[in-house]
Amino acid sequence: MKKWLSLILALAMVFSLVACGGDSAGDDTQSDDPDVTDDGTTSSDPDTLKVVELYDPGTFQPGNNDEQGFNRLMRQIYEPLFYLDAEGNVEPWLAESYEWEDPTHFLVHLREGVKFSDGSDFTAEDVIWTITYAIETALPNSQYTIVDPAECEVRDDLTCVIGLKTPQVTFASHLASPMCGIASKAAFEASDGDYLGGAVVGTGPYKLDSYTQGDIIQMSANEYYWREGEPKIPNLEIRIILDDTTRATEAKALGADIIIEPNVREQAAIEETDGMHMETTLCANTTYLLMNTAKAPMDNVKVREAFARAIDTKGTVSLVYGDFGSAATGFICPDILGYNEETYQKYYGAGHDLETAKTLLAEAGYPDGIDLEISVEANNSQRCDMAEAMQAQVQAAGINLSVKKMENAPMREYLAQGQHQMCIYGFTCRNLESDGFLSQIQPGNAALARINYDNQEFFDLYTEGCATEDRDARGQIWEDCMEMLMKDYTMIPLWHKAISNAVADNVTNLQMGRNYEERYYQWVEKT
């Protein structure tokens, strides 16, 4: 096993856990919720599914945000053209089928008989309008960056062509993202684009009834839903709780049917709570330490590599997450095309190496040490703990690290403006292939500002991979792309993410999407 963390790290983490951890004595907490039944299950109302979510949307405009939590909510109202199964196979959803007319023209045949939640017909015009509007208004949807609006065309009510700037053989799998939910053009125009009101019209299993920002979202079944017998539970009540420890407390109090991602340190206590259990699965997301390569002194590759040498990734992840998920073993998650553990070991395998870190800092012009800053979401206690662990580790290498804790929205703006030096953030291989991640850090994508990597060779190689039909050859190109990112120390993989839910014992058939952490509430039943 790699050298364990120093005493100063251990002490820092103990104090951090005491400060941030939940009350593990909450196993016997009794809920004041009148919907908790005598037998320990949650809601006595079989017609209402009560969910606690971790994201406050602020708007119900599809594609407005690239956060998984936001798009998980939108997926209940809006649907994409395609669906990815657990193995990454593309299945038709709102689309019936597709074909390539040529390498840059993607012909889509739509499913007949689909209606929006207001009873109007879903047509090809809605598809092309949704895509082109997202591009024209610069919504943060990397799936559409490759689309050429001038080459998009409505052939008839059930047929459209999506034109691309350059070939992308995996385009159908990109369109399976919940970010690509299709909205109603007519509803948008009739409501003057009110995505807190009349524009919130989709083809999904639920429709929006009411929304109290920061508190609760009420949805009910779409009576025109095209999938017969769904949703299984007609009413969906979503409470918004941003803090993961508070969500864990809610789970132990049997406060809802499903609680999304409670604090990982509380999962054992939740499992011991009568009437509640944990359901987890690995996903396609890796958490990274991102380096802003355009911001001094992080614009010096030796400084970036020095920081990579000064931290103990495996020790930190073990302390923060235990055996939930896993410390990074590759630049992306295992079993995704482009994963290569051997290349990862070449750049990051040396682990915690303070002497090399000091040497690199001296070569970069900082023989007496350096002041650095890392930005992290304040309401993500695990990321806060990781940042504080790094703060303790790197001090011995001469790095004085400050931790800047920020709320989600201000932090996103801070990163978008390139003001940060480093941050902890996740990237997902959204189509269960490496280009689902790589597409997000190409020119024209908002997420590129998180690293500000300016390497035309990297961009050109990615474009070549998009046009490569042979799967093995394409996978090698993705590996080469990621080796460029590793060689230049643009980011450090930390943790391969697992996703979890606390689920009431009388709730069955909750399905989770590995690709973008979706939860499909339309299939959930209560016994």
Protein backbone atom coordinates (compact mmCIF):
# COMPACT_ATOMS: atom_id res chain seq x y z
CA MET A 1 0.00 0.00 0.00
CA LYS A 2 1.20 3.52 -0.73
CA LYS A 3 2.67 5.57 2.13
CA TRP A 4 -0.12 6.62 4.51
CA LEU A 5 -0.97 10.24 5.14
CA SER A 6 1.08 12.27 7.57
CA LEU A 7 -0.04 12.94 11.13
CA ILE A 8 -1.08 16.46 10.21
CA LEU A 9 -3.46 15.10 7.55
CA ALA A 10 -4.94 12.62 9.97
CA LEU A 11 -5.60 15.32 12.53
CA ALA A 12 -7.04 17.64 9.89
CA MET A 13 -9.43 14.97 8.68
CA VAL A 14 -10.55 14.08 12.20
CA PHE A 15 -11.47 17.68 12.86
CA SER A 16 -13.15 17.89 9.44
CA LEU A 17 -15.25 14.80 10.06
CA VAL A 18 -16.34 16.10 13.46
CA ALA A 19 -17.29 19.44 11.93
CA CYS A 20 -19.07 18.16 8.80
CA GLY A 21 -20.41 14.71 9.73
CA GLY A 22 -24.03 13.95 10.52
CA ASP A 23 -25.37 12.62 13.81
CA SER A 24 -24.91 8.88 13.59
CA ALA A 25 -27.07 8.50 16.66
CA GLY A 26 -30.08 9.37 14.52
CA ASP A 27 -31.05 5.74 13.90
CA ASP A 28 -33.91 5.95 16.38
CA THR A 29 -35.19 9.28 15.12
CA GLN A 30 -38.96 9.31 14.82
CA SER A 31 -40.50 11.35 12.05
CA ASP A 32 -43.25 13.89 12.67
CA ASP A 33 -44.40 13.33 9.09
CA PRO A 34 -48.02 12.12 9.20
CA ASP A 35 -47.34 9.98 6.15
CA VAL A 36 -45.01 7.63 8.05
CA THR A 37 -47.04 4.49 8.70
CA ASP A 38 -47.09 2.24 11.74
CA ASP A 39 -45.10 -0.47 9.98
CA GLY A 40 -42.17 1.91 9.33
CA THR A 41 -42.76 2.59 5.64
CA THR A 42 -42.98 6.16 4.40
CA SER A 43 -45.97 7.52 2.54
CA SER A 44 -49.41 6.03 3.15
CA ASP A 45 -50.59 7.61 -0.11
CA PRO A 46 -50.04 5.10 -2.92
CA ASP A 47 -50.72 7.80 -5.51
CA THR A 48 -47.86 10.12 -4.48
CA LEU A 49 -44.15 9.44 -4.81
CA LYS A 50 -42.18 11.64 -2.40
CA VAL A 51 -38.60 12.36 -3.43
CA VAL A 52 -35.86 14.47 -1.87
CA GLU A 53 -33.57 15.94 -4.53
CA LEU A 54 -30.30 17.85 -4.22
CA TYR A 55 -30.75 20.55 -6.87
CA ASP A 56 -32.91 23.66 -7.06
CA PRO A 57 -33.53 24.20 -10.79
CA GLY A 58 -34.48 27.89 -10.85
CA THR A 59 -35.93 27.34 -14.33
CA PHE A 60 -37.53 24.45 -16.23
CA GLN A 61 -35.88 25.25 -19.54
CA PRO A 62 -34.40 22.03 -20.97
CA GLY A 63 -30.66 22.15 -21.62
CA ASN A 64 -30.20 25.27 -19.51
CA ASN A 65 -27.62 23.64 -17.23
CA ASP A 66 -25.12 20.79 -17.53
CA GLU A 67 -25.50 19.63 -13.91
CA GLN A 68 -26.78 16.08 -13.48
CA GLY A 69 -29.16 17.16 -10.71
CA PHE A 70 -30.80 19.75 -12.95
CA ASN A 71 -31.20 17.39 -15.89
CA ARG A 72 -32.54 14.60 -13.68
CA LEU A 73 -35.47 16.91 -12.89
CA MET A 74 -35.94 17.99 -16.51
CA ARG A 75 -36.01 14.34 -17.64
CA GLN A 76 -39.36 13.90 -15.87
CA ILE A 77 -40.92 16.55 -18.16
CA TYR A 78 -38.90 16.48 -21.39
CA GLU A 79 -37.55 13.47 -23.26
CA PRO A 80 -34.68 12.97 -25.71
CA LEU A 81 -34.83 11.24 -29.06
CA PHE A 82 -32.87 8.21 -27.86
CA TYR A 83 -32.19 6.18 -24.73
CA LEU A 84 -28.99 4.41 -23.62
CA ASP A 85 -29.26 1.06 -21.89
CA ALA A 86 -26.80 -0.03 -19.19
CA GLU A 87 -24.35 -1.36 -21.79
CA GLY A 88 -24.39 1.87 -23.80
CA ASN A 89 -26.57 0.55 -26.62
CA VAL A 90 -28.67 3.20 -28.36
CA GLU A 91 -32.41 2.53 -28.28
CA PRO A 92 -35.11 4.65 -29.96
CA TRP A 93 -37.26 6.80 -27.68
CA LEU A 94 -39.02 9.76 -29.27
CA ALA A 95 -37.25 8.69 -32.45
CA GLU A 96 -38.45 5.55 -34.18
CA SER A 97 -35.22 5.09 -36.15
CA TYR A 98 -32.36 6.98 -37.77
CA GLU A 99 -29.92 6.74 -40.66
CA TRP A 100 -26.99 8.69 -42.08
CA GLU A 101 -27.69 10.32 -45.45
CA ASP A 102 -23.98 11.17 -45.59
CA PRO A 103 -21.30 11.67 -42.90
CA THR A 104 -22.74 15.01 -41.75
CA HIS A 105 -26.50 14.63 -42.27
CA PHE A 106 -28.37 12.64 -39.64
CA LEU A 107 -31.89 11.65 -40.74
CA VAL A 108 -34.37 11.00 -37.91
CA HIS A 109 -37.76 9.27 -38.22
CA LEU A 110 -39.96 10.19 -35.27
CA ARG A 111 -42.37 8.00 -33.35
CA GLU A 112 -45.95 8.43 -34.53
CA GLY A 113 -48.73 9.43 -32.13
CA VAL A 114 -46.61 11.16 -29.46
CA LYS A 115 -48.23 14.20 -27.86
CA PHE A 116 -47.07 16.94 -25.53
CA SER A 117 -48.59 17.30 -22.08
CA ASP A 118 -51.00 19.98 -23.41
CA GLY A 119 -52.43 17.50 -25.93
CA SER A 120 -50.71 18.99 -28.99
CA ASP A 121 -48.79 16.84 -31.48
CA PHE A 122 -45.05 16.31 -31.14
CA THR A 123 -43.47 16.99 -34.55
CA ALA A 124 -40.17 17.33 -36.35
CA GLU A 125 -40.52 21.10 -36.15
CA ASP A 126 -40.26 20.87 -32.34
CA VAL A 127 -37.06 18.85 -32.66
CA ILE A 128 -35.30 21.24 -35.02
CA TRP A 129 -36.55 24.29 -33.13
CA THR A 130 -35.31 22.93 -29.77
CA ILE A 131 -31.85 22.24 -31.17
CA THR A 132 -31.42 25.47 -33.13
CA TYR A 133 -32.82 27.61 -30.30
CA ALA A 134 -30.33 26.06 -27.87
CA ILE A 135 -27.48 26.93 -30.24
CA GLU A 136 -28.71 30.46 -30.97
CA THR A 137 -29.10 31.28 -27.27
CA ALA A 138 -25.80 29.59 -26.29
CA LEU A 139 -27.30 27.10 -23.84
CA PRO A 140 -24.52 24.99 -22.24
CA ASN A 141 -25.26 21.84 -24.22
CA SER A 142 -22.05 20.32 -25.57
CA GLN A 143 -24.04 17.71 -27.52
CA TYR A 144 -25.18 20.46 -29.91
CA THR A 145 -21.79 22.16 -30.42
CA ILE A 146 -21.16 20.01 -33.47
CA VAL A 147 -24.56 20.83 -35.04
CA ASP A 148 -24.75 23.21 -38.03
CA PRO A 149 -28.13 24.99 -37.74
CA ALA A 150 -28.03 26.02 -41.41
CA GLU A 151 -28.01 22.33 -42.40
CA CYS A 152 -30.95 21.31 -40.19
CA GLU A 153 -34.20 20.66 -41.99
CA VAL A 154 -37.80 19.60 -41.37
CA ARG A 155 -38.82 17.13 -44.11
CA ASP A 156 -42.32 16.46 -42.81
CA ASP A 157 -44.11 16.17 -39.47
CA LEU A 158 -42.28 12.97 -38.56
CA THR A 159 -38.98 13.40 -40.40
CA CYS A 160 -36.09 15.78 -39.90
CA VAL A 161 -32.42 16.12 -40.73
CA ILE A 162 -29.83 17.32 -38.25
CA GLY A 163 -26.78 18.71 -40.04
CA LEU A 164 -23.33 18.54 -38.45
CA LYS A 165 -20.26 20.72 -38.95
CA THR A 166 -18.01 17.65 -39.00
CA PRO A 167 -18.74 13.91 -38.83
CA GLN A 168 -19.57 12.35 -35.46
CA VAL A 169 -20.33 8.64 -35.69
CA THR A 170 -21.53 8.51 -32.06
CA PHE A 171 -24.03 11.36 -32.51
CA ALA A 172 -27.11 9.24 -31.73
CA SER A 173 -25.69 8.31 -28.32
CA HIS A 174 -25.05 11.99 -27.56
CA LEU A 175 -28.70 12.78 -28.31
CA ALA A 176 -29.70 10.30 -25.58
CA SER A 177 -28.55 12.78 -22.93
CA PRO A 178 -31.36 14.26 -20.79
CA MET A 179 -29.86 17.63 -21.73
CA CYS A 180 -31.37 16.99 -25.17
CA GLY A 181 -35.00 16.87 -24.05
CA ILE A 182 -37.39 18.21 -26.71
CA ALA A 183 -39.62 21.18 -25.85
CA SER A 184 -42.79 22.48 -27.50
CA LYS A 185 -42.20 25.35 -29.90
CA ALA A 186 -45.87 26.38 -29.84
CA ALA A 187 -45.98 26.50 -26.01
CA PHE A 188 -42.80 28.56 -25.95
CA GLU A 189 -44.18 31.10 -28.41
CA ALA A 190 -47.60 31.31 -26.75
CA SER A 191 -46.04 32.02 -23.34
CA ASP A 192 -43.23 34.32 -24.52
CA GLY A 193 -40.70 31.76 -23.37
CA ASP A 194 -41.93 31.49 -19.77
CA TYR A 195 -40.05 28.46 -18.44
CA LEU A 196 -41.63 28.89 -15.05
CA GLY A 197 -45.08 28.80 -16.62
CA GLY A 198 -46.65 28.12 -19.99
CA ALA A 199 -43.51 27.03 -21.82
CA VAL A 200 -43.01 24.03 -19.52
CA VAL A 201 -44.58 21.53 -21.90
CA GLY A 202 -42.87 18.26 -22.78
CA THR A 203 -43.62 14.71 -23.83
CA GLY A 204 -42.38 13.17 -20.57
CA PRO A 205 -44.27 11.12 -17.97
CA TYR A 206 -44.94 14.10 -15.70
CA LYS A 207 -46.05 17.71 -16.08
CA LEU A 208 -45.25 20.62 -13.78
CA ASP A 209 -48.04 21.71 -11.43
CA SER A 210 -46.19 24.11 -9.12
CA TYR A 211 -42.74 25.15 -8.00
CA THR A 212 -41.64 26.99 -4.88
CA GLN A 213 -38.02 27.93 -5.37
CA GLY A 214 -35.72 26.42 -2.78
CA ASP A 215 -38.49 24.25 -1.39
CA ILE A 216 -40.77 21.98 -3.39
CA ILE A 217 -41.78 20.88 -6.91
CA GLN A 218 -45.17 19.33 -7.52
CA MET A 219 -45.76 17.25 -10.67
CA SER A 220 -48.59 15.04 -11.87
CA ALA A 221 -48.99 12.43 -14.59
CA ASN A 222 -49.05 13.58 -18.20
CA GLU A 223 -52.45 12.32 -19.31
CA TYR A 224 -51.25 12.21 -22.93
CA TYR A 225 -48.11 10.21 -22.23
CA TRP A 226 -47.32 7.91 -25.13
CA ARG A 227 -46.10 4.98 -23.01
CA GLU A 228 -49.21 3.17 -21.84
CA GLY A 229 -49.54 2.58 -18.10
CA GLU A 230 -46.84 5.07 -17.12
CA PRO A 231 -46.05 6.70 -14.82
CA LYS A 232 -46.94 3.99 -12.34
CA ILE A 233 -47.50 6.57 -9.56
CA PRO A 234 -49.54 9.56 -10.75
CA ASN A 235 -48.20 12.28 -8.44
CA LEU A 236 -44.58 13.25 -7.92
CA GLU A 237 -43.60 15.52 -5.01
CA ILE A 238 -39.98 16.66 -4.98
CA ARG A 239 -38.53 18.46 -1.99
CA ILE A 240 -35.24 20.31 -2.46
CA ILE A 241 -32.58 19.78 0.23
CA LEU A 242 -29.12 20.96 -0.82
CA ASP A 243 -27.09 19.65 2.12
CA ASP A 244 -26.17 15.97 1.93
CA THR A 245 -26.05 15.49 5.72
CA THR A 246 -29.55 16.92 6.04
CA ARG A 247 -30.70 14.53 3.32
CA ALA A 248 -29.25 11.65 5.35
CA THR A 249 -31.15 12.83 8.41
CA GLU A 250 -34.31 12.91 6.31
CA ALA A 251 -33.69 9.32 5.24
CA LYS A 252 -33.23 8.11 8.84
CA ALA A 253 -36.44 9.92 9.78
CA LEU A 254 -38.34 8.14 6.95
CA GLY A 255 -39.23 11.54 5.56
CA ALA A 256 -39.66 10.49 1.91
CA ASP A 257 -39.89 7.49 -0.38
CA ILE A 258 -36.60 8.24 -2.16
CA ILE A 259 -33.73 10.44 -0.97
CA ILE A 260 -31.07 11.19 -3.58
CA GLU A 261 -27.40 10.92 -2.56
CA PRO A 262 -27.40 11.25 1.23
CA ASN A 263 -24.05 11.81 2.91
CA VAL A 264 -21.92 8.71 2.29
CA ARG A 265 -20.82 8.57 5.94
CA GLU A 266 -24.45 8.05 6.97
CA GLN A 267 -25.22 5.18 4.61
CA ALA A 268 -24.55 2.44 7.17
CA ALA A 269 -26.90 4.17 9.62
CA ILE A 270 -29.54 4.45 6.90
CA GLU A 271 -29.23 0.73 6.17
CA GLU A 272 -29.90 0.03 9.85
CA THR A 273 -33.04 2.17 9.83
CA ASP A 274 -36.23 0.09 9.78
CA GLY A 275 -38.20 0.84 6.63
CA MET A 276 -35.27 2.27 4.61
CA HIS A 277 -32.36 0.84 2.64
CA MET A 278 -29.61 2.04 0.29
CA GLU A 279 -29.42 1.38 -3.44
CA THR A 280 -26.14 2.20 -5.21
CA THR A 281 -24.51 1.75 -8.60
CA LEU A 282 -21.32 2.86 -10.31
CA CYS A 283 -21.83 5.59 -12.90
CA ALA A 284 -19.78 7.15 -15.70
CA ASN A 285 -18.54 10.15 -13.74
CA THR A 286 -15.03 10.83 -12.48
CA THR A 287 -14.24 13.60 -10.01
CA TYR A 288 -11.16 15.60 -10.96
CA LEU A 289 -8.92 18.29 -9.58
CA LEU A 290 -9.07 20.72 -12.50
CA MET A 291 -6.19 23.10 -13.23
CA ASN A 292 -6.84 26.44 -14.93
CA THR A 293 -3.93 26.35 -17.39
CA ALA A 294 -4.49 30.01 -18.34
CA LYS A 295 -4.30 31.41 -14.79
CA ALA A 296 -0.92 32.19 -13.23
CA PRO A 297 0.84 30.39 -11.68
CA MET A 298 -1.13 27.35 -12.93
CA ASP A 299 -0.12 28.32 -16.47
CA ASN A 300 3.24 26.70 -15.65
CA VAL A 301 3.10 22.94 -16.26
CA LYS A 302 5.77 22.33 -13.61
CA VAL A 303 3.55 23.95 -10.97
CA ARG A 304 0.64 21.75 -12.07
CA GLU A 305 2.77 18.60 -11.96
CA ALA A 306 4.21 19.62 -8.58
CA PHE A 307 0.72 19.79 -7.13
CA ALA A 308 -0.10 16.39 -8.62
CA ARG A 309 3.00 14.95 -6.89
CA ALA A 310 2.28 16.64 -3.57
CA ILE A 311 -1.16 15.10 -2.98
CA ASP A 312 -2.02 11.54 -1.93
CA THR A 313 -5.05 10.73 -4.07
CA LYS A 314 -5.68 7.19 -2.86
CA GLY A 315 -5.26 8.04 0.81
CA THR A 316 -7.55 11.04 0.53
CA VAL A 317 -10.29 9.18 -1.33
CA SER A 318 -10.10 6.31 1.15
CA LEU A 319 -10.57 8.65 4.10
CA VAL A 320 -13.37 10.65 2.51
CA TYR A 321 -15.36 7.95 0.69
CA GLY A 322 -14.24 4.67 2.22
CA ASP A 323 -15.26 1.88 -0.14
CA PHE A 324 -18.03 3.93 -1.79
CA GLY A 325 -17.03 4.29 -5.44
CA SER A 326 -13.28 3.93 -5.91
CA ALA A 327 -10.09 5.94 -6.10
CA ALA A 328 -9.25 6.69 -9.73
CA THR A 329 -7.46 3.92 -11.60
CA GLY A 330 -7.64 5.63 -14.99
CA PHE A 331 -8.38 8.98 -16.51
CA ILE A 332 -12.01 7.90 -16.95
CA CYS A 333 -14.12 5.15 -15.39
CA PRO A 334 -13.34 1.49 -16.13
CA ASP A 335 -15.31 -0.34 -18.86
CA ILE A 336 -15.71 2.84 -20.95
CA LEU A 337 -14.11 2.98 -24.40
CA GLY A 338 -10.78 4.81 -24.03
CA TYR A 339 -10.00 3.68 -20.48
CA ASN A 340 -6.33 2.79 -20.05
CA GLU A 341 -4.91 2.11 -16.59
CA GLU A 342 -1.36 1.71 -17.89
CA THR A 343 -1.22 5.25 -19.28
CA TYR A 344 -2.73 6.61 -16.08
CA GLN A 345 0.00 4.89 -14.04
CA LYS A 346 2.66 6.45 -16.28
CA TYR A 347 1.69 9.95 -15.17
CA TYR A 348 0.04 9.53 -11.79
CA GLY A 349 1.27 6.17 -10.53
CA ALA A 350 4.15 7.58 -8.44
CA GLY A 351 1.65 8.86 -5.92
CA HIS A 352 2.55 11.08 -2.96
CA ASP A 353 6.10 12.34 -3.69
CA LEU A 354 6.97 15.51 -1.78
CA GLU A 355 10.62 15.67 -2.82
CA THR A 356 9.74 15.60 -6.53
CA ALA A 357 7.09 18.24 -5.89
CA LYS A 358 9.67 20.52 -4.23
CA THR A 359 12.11 20.02 -7.11
CA LEU A 360 9.46 20.87 -9.70
CA LEU A 361 8.46 24.03 -7.81
CA ALA A 362 12.09 25.14 -7.67
CA GLU A 363 12.46 24.53 -11.41
CA ALA A 364 9.30 26.59 -11.96
CA GLY A 365 10.87 29.51 -10.06
CA TYR A 366 9.36 28.93 -6.61
CA PRO A 367 12.19 27.52 -4.46
CA ASP A 368 10.74 29.14 -1.34
CA GLY A 369 7.22 27.85 -1.84
CA ILE A 370 4.02 29.13 -3.43
CA ASP A 371 0.50 30.28 -2.50
CA LEU A 372 -2.34 28.51 -4.32
CA GLU A 373 -6.13 28.38 -4.08
CA ILE A 374 -8.68 25.64 -4.72
CA SER A 375 -12.39 26.32 -5.24
CA VAL A 376 -15.01 23.84 -4.05
CA GLU A 377 -18.79 23.65 -3.61
CA ALA A 378 -19.68 24.48 -0.02
CA ASN A 379 -22.64 22.09 0.16
CA ASN A 380 -20.63 19.06 -1.05
CA SER A 381 -19.06 17.91 2.21
CA GLN A 382 -16.95 15.20 0.54
CA ARG A 383 -15.33 17.67 -1.87
CA CYS A 384 -14.73 20.07 1.01
CA ASP A 385 -13.05 17.26 2.93
CA MET A 386 -10.87 16.35 -0.06
CA ALA A 387 -9.77 19.97 -0.48
CA GLU A 388 -8.89 20.22 3.21
CA ALA A 389 -6.96 16.94 3.04
CA MET A 390 -4.96 18.30 0.11
CA GLN A 391 -4.39 21.51 2.05
CA ALA A 392 -2.66 19.48 4.77
CA GLN A 393 -0.71 17.25 2.38
CA VAL A 394 0.87 19.90 0.17
CA GLN A 395 2.12 22.10 2.99
CA ALA A 396 5.23 19.93 3.41
CA ALA A 397 6.07 20.57 -0.26
CA GLY A 398 6.05 24.33 0.31
CA ILE A 399 2.53 24.93 -1.03
CA ASN A 400 0.30 27.16 1.06
CA LEU A 401 -3.15 26.13 -0.16
CA SER A 402 -6.28 28.10 0.65
CA VAL A 403 -9.73 26.54 0.20
CA LYS A 404 -12.42 28.78 -1.30
CA LYS A 405 -15.86 27.35 -0.50
CA MET A 406 -18.66 28.70 -2.69
CA GLU A 407 -22.34 28.10 -3.37
CA ASN A 408 -23.08 26.30 -6.64
CA ALA A 409 -24.33 29.17 -8.82
CA PRO A 410 -21.61 31.70 -7.85
CA MET A 411 -18.96 29.01 -8.26
CA ARG A 412 -20.16 28.14 -11.77
CA GLU A 413 -19.91 31.82 -12.72
CA TYR A 414 -16.48 32.10 -11.09
CA LEU A 415 -15.23 29.13 -13.13
CA ALA A 416 -16.86 30.35 -16.34
CA GLN A 417 -14.97 33.62 -16.02
CA GLY A 418 -11.69 31.75 -15.52
CA GLN A 419 -10.98 33.38 -12.16
CA HIS A 420 -10.06 30.14 -10.38
CA GLN A 421 -6.66 28.47 -10.13
CA MET A 422 -7.98 25.00 -9.33
CA CYS A 423 -11.31 23.43 -8.54
CA ILE A 424 -12.83 20.03 -7.81
CA TYR A 425 -15.41 19.08 -10.41
CA GLY A 426 -16.77 16.03 -12.19
CA PHE A 427 -16.97 15.07 -15.86
CA THR A 428 -19.20 12.30 -17.15
CA CYS A 429 -18.75 10.06 -20.18
CA ARG A 430 -22.37 10.78 -21.03
CA ASN A 431 -22.64 8.29 -23.87
CA LEU A 432 -20.56 5.61 -22.08
CA GLU A 433 -17.68 6.36 -24.44
CA SER A 434 -14.76 8.73 -23.88
CA ASP A 435 -16.01 11.34 -26.32
CA GLY A 436 -18.92 11.96 -23.94
CA PHE A 437 -16.30 13.50 -21.67
CA LEU A 438 -13.93 14.88 -24.32
CA SER A 439 -16.75 16.70 -26.13
CA GLN A 440 -17.21 18.93 -23.08
CA ILE A 441 -13.74 20.47 -23.31
CA GLN A 442 -13.77 21.41 -26.97
CA PRO A 443 -13.95 24.98 -28.36
CA GLY A 444 -17.42 26.47 -27.98
CA ASN A 445 -18.21 24.53 -24.81
CA ALA A 446 -18.64 26.38 -21.54
CA ALA A 447 -16.90 23.63 -19.55
CA LEU A 448 -13.62 24.28 -21.39
CA ALA A 449 -13.21 27.36 -19.16
CA ARG A 450 -12.67 25.04 -16.20
CA ILE A 451 -9.23 24.10 -17.57
CA ASN A 452 -8.73 26.60 -20.44
CA TYR A 453 -6.64 24.07 -22.32
CA ASP A 454 -5.55 25.58 -25.64
CA ASN A 455 -4.03 22.82 -27.76
CA GLN A 456 -5.07 22.67 -31.40
CA GLU A 457 -3.46 19.24 -31.82
CA PHE A 458 -5.79 17.97 -29.08
CA PHE A 459 -8.86 19.52 -30.73
CA ASP A 460 -7.91 18.14 -34.17
CA LEU A 461 -7.32 14.65 -32.81
CA TYR A 462 -10.72 14.69 -31.12
CA THR A 463 -12.35 15.68 -34.44
CA GLU A 464 -10.54 12.78 -36.13
CA GLY A 465 -11.87 10.38 -33.50
CA CYS A 466 -15.44 11.60 -34.05
CA ALA A 467 -15.18 10.58 -37.72
CA THR A 468 -13.64 7.15 -37.05
CA GLU A 469 -16.17 4.36 -37.51
CA ASP A 470 -13.98 1.46 -36.38
CA ARG A 471 -14.59 1.15 -32.64
CA ASP A 472 -11.12 -0.09 -31.69
CA ALA A 473 -9.39 2.59 -33.75
CA ARG A 474 -11.66 5.22 -32.24
CA GLY A 475 -10.87 3.97 -28.75
CA GLN A 476 -7.14 4.37 -29.41
CA ILE A 477 -7.69 7.97 -30.51
CA TRP A 478 -9.58 8.67 -27.30
CA GLU A 479 -6.67 7.20 -25.34
CA ASP A 480 -4.26 9.46 -27.22
CA CYS A 481 -6.44 12.50 -26.51
CA MET A 482 -6.47 11.76 -22.81
CA GLU A 483 -2.72 11.16 -22.73
CA MET A 484 -2.30 14.74 -23.96
CA LEU A 485 -4.40 15.93 -21.03
CA MET A 486 -2.31 13.85 -18.64
CA LYS A 487 1.05 14.89 -20.09
CA ASP A 488 0.15 18.54 -19.62
CA TYR A 489 -1.35 17.94 -16.14
CA THR A 490 -4.57 19.74 -17.00
CA MET A 491 -6.50 17.71 -14.43
CA ILE A 492 -5.93 14.99 -11.86
CA PRO A 493 -8.45 12.12 -11.67
CA LEU A 494 -9.48 11.57 -8.05
CA TRP A 495 -12.56 9.37 -7.67
CA HIS A 496 -14.73 7.15 -9.87
CA LYS A 497 -18.18 8.05 -8.66
CA ALA A 498 -20.92 5.81 -7.36
CA ILE A 499 -24.47 7.12 -7.12
CA SER A 500 -26.82 6.24 -4.32
CA ASN A 501 -30.36 6.61 -3.07
CA ALA A 502 -32.01 5.94 0.24
CA VAL A 503 -35.18 4.05 -0.71
CA ALA A 504 -38.17 3.10 1.39
CA ASP A 505 -38.67 -0.64 1.71
CA ASN A 506 -42.12 -0.46 0.10
CA VAL A 507 -40.72 1.23 -3.04
CA THR A 508 -39.68 -0.95 -5.99
CA ASN A 509 -38.28 -0.62 -9.50
CA LEU A 510 -36.32 2.60 -9.16
CA GLN A 511 -33.99 2.55 -12.15
CA MET A 512 -30.83 4.65 -12.42
CA GLY A 513 -29.02 5.62 -15.60
CA ARG A 514 -25.27 5.12 -15.43
CA ASN A 515 -24.62 7.54 -18.27
CA TYR A 516 -25.97 10.76 -16.74
CA GLU A 517 -27.18 9.69 -13.30
CA GLU A 518 -30.85 9.76 -14.30
CA ARG A 519 -33.54 8.39 -12.01
CA TYR A 520 -36.60 7.09 -13.82
CA TYR A 521 -39.50 7.78 -11.48
CA GLN A 522 -42.05 6.74 -14.09
CA TRP A 523 -41.35 3.05 -13.42
CA VAL A 524 -41.39 3.23 -9.62
CA GLU A 525 -44.14 1.37 -7.74
CA LYS A 526 -45.18 1.24 -4.07
CA THR A 527 -46.32 -1.99 -2.45
